[in-house]
């Protein structure tokens, strides 16, 4: 009888140990599953956040007009007008800065290419920026050619490549490229 009681105690201890090991295995599996679920939820949140950010990318319309500073047409500025037009879910921006996108520079087939435009202070960035822009608001930027002779000898304007950096609290900044293809005003003034 003592042997049977001993076997029952040993069997109970073995069963308890097996139960403990199985419980530990189940706990580890549950921990891994919850960790994987948290990673999946985090990845999904990041994807949705990126999609929402892309859906909110500001949209602008642009137009440009040249104004001669000298009667002989040797110097002029171009007034670029920009208007925030969308998207509908984006009602405002905290700040917008304007840059001139760099163009190709160097020599191609004997023709020297250089940046076609700059801001009047000679820089490529208008760091002043515009603040508190509401959808439907317009703002302007002044640009001028880096080579007056090239434009003066031409009967057409080169397109103006701009890059707008748009800021809104709670969002990563957007960079919006804009190419103003049509500039009104004749490169050669009428006398």
C-alpha atoms as a PDB file:
ATOM      1  CA  UNK A   1       0.000   0.000   0.000  1.00  0.00           C
ATOM      2  CA  UNK A   2       2.838   2.354   0.732  1.00  0.00           C
ATOM      3  CA  UNK A   3       4.193   1.635  -2.716  1.00  0.00           C
ATOM      4  CA  UNK A   4       0.936   2.613  -4.308  1.00  0.00           C
ATOM      5  CA  UNK A   5       0.760   5.839  -2.359  1.00  0.00           C
ATOM      6  CA  UNK A   6       4.339   6.566  -3.425  1.00  0.00           C
ATOM      7  CA  UNK A   7       3.471   5.923  -7.082  1.00  0.00           C
ATOM      8  CA  UNK A   8       0.425   8.131  -6.828  1.00  0.00           C
ATOM      9  CA  UNK A   9       2.522  10.948  -5.343  1.00  0.00           C
ATOM     10  CA  UNK A  10       5.189  10.496  -8.047  1.00  0.00           C
ATOM     11  CA  UNK A  11       2.535  10.358 -10.764  1.00  0.00           C
ATOM     12  CA  UNK A  12       0.924  13.489  -9.345  1.00  0.00           C
ATOM     13  CA  UNK A  13       4.332  15.234  -9.260  1.00  0.00           C
ATOM     14  CA  UNK A  14       5.073  14.175 -12.859  1.00  0.00           C
ATOM     15  CA  UNK A  15       1.626  15.292 -13.991  1.00  0.00           C
ATOM     16  CA  UNK A  16       2.102  18.595 -12.199  1.00  0.00           C
ATOM     17  CA  UNK A  17       5.529  19.102 -13.806  1.00  0.00           C
ATOM     18  CA  UNK A  18       4.158  18.257 -17.254  1.00  0.00           C
ATOM     19  CA  UNK A  19       1.270  20.660 -16.670  1.00  0.00           C
ATOM     20  CA  UNK A  20       3.702  23.403 -15.627  1.00  0.00           C
ATOM     21  CA  UNK A  21       5.870  22.863 -18.731  1.00  0.00           C
ATOM     22  CA  UNK A  22       2.802  22.871 -20.987  1.00  0.00           C
ATOM     23  CA  UNK A  23       1.538  26.054 -19.294  1.00  0.00           C
ATOM     24  CA  UNK A  24       4.921  27.702 -19.880  1.00  0.00           C
ATOM     25  CA  UNK A  25       4.862  26.675 -23.556  1.00  0.00           C
ATOM     26  CA  UNK A  26       1.345  28.072 -23.953  1.00  0.00           C
ATOM     27  CA  UNK A  27       2.376  31.311 -22.186  1.00  0.00           C
ATOM     28  CA  UNK A  28       5.404  31.758 -24.490  1.00  0.00           C
ATOM     29  CA  UNK A  29       3.243  31.084 -27.558  1.00  0.00           C
ATOM     30  CA  UNK A  30       0.656  33.619 -26.344  1.00  0.00           C
ATOM     31  CA  UNK A  31       3.391  36.182 -25.677  1.00  0.00           C
ATOM     32  CA  UNK A  32       4.833  35.682 -29.172  1.00  0.00           C
ATOM     33  CA  UNK A  33       1.376  35.956 -30.744  1.00  0.00           C
ATOM     34  CA  UNK A  34       0.663  39.199 -28.887  1.00  0.00           C
ATOM     35  CA  UNK A  35       4.068  40.583 -29.863  1.00  0.00           C
ATOM     36  CA  UNK A  36       3.438  39.720 -33.518  1.00  0.00           C
ATOM     37  CA  UNK A  37      -0.044  41.249 -33.311  1.00  0.00           C
ATOM     38  CA  UNK A  38       1.441  44.439 -31.854  1.00  0.00           C
ATOM     39  CA  UNK A  39       4.011  44.574 -34.678  1.00  0.00           C
ATOM     40  CA  UNK A  40       1.281  44.045 -37.266  1.00  0.00           C
ATOM     41  CA  UNK A  41      -0.875  46.756 -35.689  1.00  0.00           C
ATOM     42  CA  UNK A  42       2.089  49.120 -35.623  1.00  0.00           C
ATOM     43  CA  UNK A  43       2.875  48.404 -39.291  1.00  0.00           C
ATOM     44  CA  UNK A  44      -0.765  48.926 -40.252  1.00  0.00           C
ATOM     45  CA  UNK A  45      -0.875  52.211 -38.329  1.00  0.00           C
ATOM     46  CA  UNK A  46       2.276  53.371 -40.116  1.00  0.00           C
ATOM     47  CA  UNK A  47       0.812  52.429 -43.530  1.00  0.00           C
ATOM     48  CA  UNK A  48      -2.439  54.270 -42.772  1.00  0.00           C
ATOM     49  CA  UNK A  49      -0.538  57.277 -41.491  1.00  0.00           C
ATOM     50  CA  UNK A  50       1.558  57.381 -44.679  1.00  0.00           C
ATOM     51  CA  UNK A  51      -1.563  57.042 -46.828  1.00  0.00           C
ATOM     52  CA  UNK A  52      -3.315  59.840 -44.943  1.00  0.00           C
ATOM     53  CA  UNK A  53      -0.223  62.033 -45.276  1.00  0.00           C
ATOM     54  CA  UNK A  54      -0.139  61.394 -49.049  1.00  0.00           C
ATOM     55  CA  UNK A  55      -3.876  62.092 -49.341  1.00  0.00           C
ATOM     56  CA  UNK A  56      -3.360  65.453 -47.608  1.00  0.00           C
ATOM     57  CA  UNK A  57      -0.497  66.579 -49.873  1.00  0.00           C
ATOM     58  CA  UNK A  58      -1.174  70.249 -50.648  1.00  0.00           C
ATOM     59  CA  UNK A  59      -2.187  71.191 -54.173  1.00  0.00           C
ATOM     60  CA  UNK A  60      -1.399  74.570 -55.706  1.00  0.00           C
ATOM     61  CA  UNK A  61      -2.122  76.469 -58.892  1.00  0.00           C
ATOM     62  CA  UNK A  62       0.571  78.743 -60.250  1.00  0.00           C
ATOM     63  CA  UNK A  63       0.837  81.578 -62.720  1.00  0.00           C
ATOM     64  CA  UNK A  64       3.657  83.976 -63.546  1.00  0.00           C
ATOM     65  CA  UNK A  65       4.062  87.394 -65.096  1.00  0.00           C
ATOM     66  CA  UNK A  66       7.257  89.237 -66.020  1.00  0.00           C
ATOM     67  CA  UNK A  67       7.832  92.876 -65.133  1.00  0.00           C
ATOM     68  CA  UNK A  68      10.697  94.879 -66.607  1.00  0.00           C
ATOM     69  CA  UNK A  69      12.781  96.878 -64.155  1.00  0.00           C
ATOM     70  CA  UNK A  70      14.720  98.755 -66.833  1.00  0.00           C
ATOM     71  CA  UNK A  71      13.316 100.413 -69.967  1.00  0.00           C
ATOM     72  CA  UNK A  72      15.838  98.597 -72.145  1.00  0.00           C
ATOM     73  CA  UNK A  73      14.636  95.253 -70.773  1.00  0.00           C
ATOM     74  CA  UNK A  74      18.043  94.354 -69.362  1.00  0.00           C
ATOM     75  CA  UNK A  75      16.607  93.483 -65.971  1.00  0.00           C
ATOM     76  CA  UNK A  76      13.261  92.193 -64.878  1.00  0.00           C
ATOM     77  CA  UNK A  77      11.582  90.131 -62.214  1.00  0.00           C
ATOM     78  CA  UNK A  78       8.921  87.488 -62.501  1.00  0.00           C
ATOM     79  CA  UNK A  79       6.032  87.549 -60.083  1.00  0.00           C
ATOM     80  CA  UNK A  80       4.895  83.978 -59.418  1.00  0.00           C
ATOM     81  CA  UNK A  81       1.406  83.748 -57.891  1.00  0.00           C
ATOM     82  CA  UNK A  82       0.570  80.547 -56.023  1.00  0.00           C
ATOM     83  CA  UNK A  83      -2.812  79.521 -54.617  1.00  0.00           C
ATOM     84  CA  UNK A  84      -3.528  76.685 -52.186  1.00  0.00           C
ATOM     85  CA  UNK A  85      -6.453  74.848 -53.823  1.00  0.00           C
ATOM     86  CA  UNK A  86      -6.695  71.485 -52.100  1.00  0.00           C
ATOM     87  CA  UNK A  87      -7.273  68.808 -51.151  1.00  0.00           C
ATOM     88  CA  UNK A  88     -10.677  69.337 -49.546  1.00  0.00           C
ATOM     89  CA  UNK A  89      -9.591  67.691 -46.278  1.00  0.00           C
ATOM     90  CA  UNK A  90      -6.689  70.133 -45.926  1.00  0.00           C
ATOM     91  CA  UNK A  91      -8.096  73.423 -44.712  1.00  0.00           C
ATOM     92  CA  UNK A  92      -4.875  75.273 -43.858  1.00  0.00           C
ATOM     93  CA  UNK A  93      -1.106  75.180 -43.583  1.00  0.00           C
ATOM     94  CA  UNK A  94       0.994  76.646 -40.779  1.00  0.00           C
ATOM     95  CA  UNK A  95       3.893  77.666 -43.031  1.00  0.00           C
ATOM     96  CA  UNK A  96       5.052  77.381 -46.658  1.00  0.00           C
ATOM     97  CA  UNK A  97       8.597  78.064 -47.868  1.00  0.00           C
ATOM     98  CA  UNK A  98       9.568  78.333 -51.511  1.00  0.00           C
ATOM     99  CA  UNK A  99      12.773  77.092 -53.150  1.00  0.00           C
ATOM    100  CA  UNK A 100      13.942  77.016 -56.722  1.00  0.00           C
ATOM    101  CA  UNK A 101      14.640  73.433 -57.716  1.00  0.00           C
ATOM    102  CA  UNK A 102      18.168  72.946 -58.955  1.00  0.00           C
ATOM    103  CA  UNK A 103      18.443  72.322 -62.659  1.00  0.00           C
ATOM    104  CA  UNK A 104      21.168  70.630 -64.650  1.00  0.00           C
ATOM    105  CA  UNK A 105      24.444  72.510 -64.677  1.00  0.00           C
ATOM    106  CA  UNK A 106      27.592  71.987 -66.698  1.00  0.00           C
ATOM    107  CA  UNK A 107      28.524  71.917 -70.354  1.00  0.00           C
ATOM    108  CA  UNK A 108      26.505  69.965 -72.886  1.00  0.00           C
ATOM    109  CA  UNK A 109      27.702  69.993 -76.514  1.00  0.00           C
ATOM    110  CA  UNK A 110      29.591  73.218 -75.964  1.00  0.00           C
ATOM    111  CA  UNK A 111      26.598  74.984 -74.359  1.00  0.00           C
ATOM    112  CA  UNK A 112      27.076  76.049 -70.751  1.00  0.00           C
ATOM    113  CA  UNK A 113      24.012  75.277 -68.669  1.00  0.00           C
ATOM    114  CA  UNK A 114      23.432  76.939 -65.333  1.00  0.00           C
ATOM    115  CA  UNK A 115      20.589  77.489 -62.946  1.00  0.00           C
ATOM    116  CA  UNK A 116      18.074  79.628 -64.879  1.00  0.00           C
ATOM    117  CA  UNK A 117      16.416  81.449 -61.959  1.00  0.00           C
ATOM    118  CA  UNK A 118      17.147  82.788 -58.500  1.00  0.00           C
ATOM    119  CA  UNK A 119      15.455  84.943 -55.903  1.00  0.00           C
ATOM    120  CA  UNK A 120      16.270  88.680 -56.064  1.00  0.00           C
ATOM    121  CA  UNK A 121      18.755  88.331 -53.195  1.00  0.00           C
ATOM    122  CA  UNK A 122      20.711  85.782 -55.276  1.00  0.00           C
ATOM    123  CA  UNK A 123      19.690  82.757 -53.204  1.00  0.00           C
ATOM    124  CA  UNK A 124      17.830  79.632 -54.210  1.00  0.00           C
ATOM    125  CA  UNK A 125      15.656  79.571 -51.061  1.00  0.00           C
ATOM    126  CA  UNK A 126      13.035  82.030 -49.878  1.00  0.00           C
ATOM    127  CA  UNK A 127      13.384  81.277 -46.176  1.00  0.00           C
ATOM    128  CA  UNK A 128      10.908  83.964 -45.108  1.00  0.00           C
ATOM    129  CA  UNK A 129       8.009  81.738 -46.071  1.00  0.00           C
ATOM    130  CA  UNK A 130       4.301  82.370 -45.690  1.00  0.00           C
ATOM    131  CA  UNK A 131       2.453  81.695 -42.435  1.00  0.00           C
ATOM    132  CA  UNK A 132      -1.125  80.641 -41.705  1.00  0.00           C
ATOM    133  CA  UNK A 133      -2.203  79.889 -45.242  1.00  0.00           C
ATOM    134  CA  UNK A 134      -5.874  78.930 -45.611  1.00  0.00           C
ATOM    135  CA  UNK A 135      -7.241  77.021 -48.612  1.00  0.00           C
ATOM    136  CA  UNK A 136      -8.077  79.552 -51.314  1.00  0.00           C
ATOM    137  CA  UNK A 137      -5.377  81.988 -50.155  1.00  0.00           C
ATOM    138  CA  UNK A 138      -2.809  83.218 -52.653  1.00  0.00           C
ATOM    139  CA  UNK A 139       0.769  84.295 -52.077  1.00  0.00           C
ATOM    140  CA  UNK A 140       3.560  85.442 -54.350  1.00  0.00           C
ATOM    141  CA  UNK A 141       7.256  84.891 -54.867  1.00  0.00           C
ATOM    142  CA  UNK A 142       9.598  87.077 -56.895  1.00  0.00           C
ATOM    143  CA  UNK A 143      12.198  85.330 -59.034  1.00  0.00           C
ATOM    144  CA  UNK A 144      14.612  86.641 -61.636  1.00  0.00           C
ATOM    145  CA  UNK A 145      16.782  85.050 -64.301  1.00  0.00           C
ATOM    146  CA  UNK A 146      20.420  84.394 -63.499  1.00  0.00           C
ATOM    147  CA  UNK A 147      21.330  85.172 -67.117  1.00  0.00           C
ATOM    148  CA  UNK A 148      19.456  88.217 -68.404  1.00  0.00           C
ATOM    149  CA  UNK A 149      21.134  87.956 -71.825  1.00  0.00           C
ATOM    150  CA  UNK A 150      19.859  84.417 -72.413  1.00  0.00           C
ATOM    151  CA  UNK A 151      16.266  85.455 -71.757  1.00  0.00           C
ATOM    152  CA  UNK A 152      16.614  88.816 -73.478  1.00  0.00           C
ATOM    153  CA  UNK A 153      17.892  87.228 -76.685  1.00  0.00           C
ATOM    154  CA  UNK A 154      15.046  84.727 -76.596  1.00  0.00           C
ATOM    155  CA  UNK A 155      11.392  85.120 -77.547  1.00  0.00           C
ATOM    156  CA  UNK A 156      10.254  82.632 -74.905  1.00  0.00           C
ATOM    157  CA  UNK A 157      10.597  82.050 -71.195  1.00  0.00           C
ATOM    158  CA  UNK A 158      12.160  79.002 -69.605  1.00  0.00           C
ATOM    159  CA  UNK A 159       9.875  77.178 -67.181  1.00  0.00           C
ATOM    160  CA  UNK A 160      10.327  78.007 -63.502  1.00  0.00           C
ATOM    161  CA  UNK A 161      10.948  74.913 -61.331  1.00  0.00           C
ATOM    162  CA  UNK A 162       9.807  75.556 -57.750  1.00  0.00           C
ATOM    163  CA  UNK A 163       9.714  73.381 -54.668  1.00  0.00           C
ATOM    164  CA  UNK A 164       7.270  74.290 -51.900  1.00  0.00           C
ATOM    165  CA  UNK A 165       7.853  72.922 -48.406  1.00  0.00           C
ATOM    166  CA  UNK A 166       4.547  72.890 -46.529  1.00  0.00           C
ATOM    167  CA  UNK A 167       4.263  72.564 -42.757  1.00  0.00           C
ATOM    168  CA  UNK A 168       1.268  71.666 -40.609  1.00  0.00           C
ATOM    169  CA  UNK A 169       1.423  70.808 -36.900  1.00  0.00           C
ATOM    170  CA  UNK A 170       1.098  67.073 -36.281  1.00  0.00           C
ATOM    171  CA  UNK A 171       2.292  66.130 -39.798  1.00  0.00           C
ATOM    172  CA  UNK A 172       5.620  65.553 -41.486  1.00  0.00           C
ATOM    173  CA  UNK A 173       6.399  68.384 -43.939  1.00  0.00           C
ATOM    174  CA  UNK A 174       5.282  67.944 -47.549  1.00  0.00           C
ATOM    175  CA  UNK A 175       7.539  68.865 -50.452  1.00  0.00           C
ATOM    176  CA  UNK A 176       5.478  69.866 -53.463  1.00  0.00           C
ATOM    177  CA  UNK A 177       7.256  70.334 -56.806  1.00  0.00           C
ATOM    178  CA  UNK A 178       5.705  72.924 -59.101  1.00  0.00           C
ATOM    179  CA  UNK A 179       6.771  73.757 -62.635  1.00  0.00           C
ATOM    180  CA  UNK A 180       5.487  77.065 -63.968  1.00  0.00           C
ATOM    181  CA  UNK A 181       5.577  76.548 -67.720  1.00  0.00           C
ATOM    182  CA  UNK A 182       3.846  79.695 -68.875  1.00  0.00           C
ATOM    183  CA  UNK A 183       5.133  83.150 -68.038  1.00  0.00           C
ATOM    184  CA  UNK A 184       3.098  86.039 -69.425  1.00  0.00           C
ATOM    185  CA  UNK A 185       4.951  89.095 -70.587  1.00  0.00           C
ATOM    186  CA  UNK A 186       7.384  89.410 -73.462  1.00  0.00           C
ATOM    187  CA  UNK A 187      11.067  88.823 -72.691  1.00  0.00           C
ATOM    188  CA  UNK A 188      11.808  91.745 -75.013  1.00  0.00           C
ATOM    189  CA  UNK A 189      10.039  94.939 -73.950  1.00  0.00           C
ATOM    190  CA  UNK A 190       8.102  96.946 -76.453  1.00  0.00           C
ATOM    191  CA  UNK A 191       9.343 100.486 -76.738  1.00  0.00           C
END
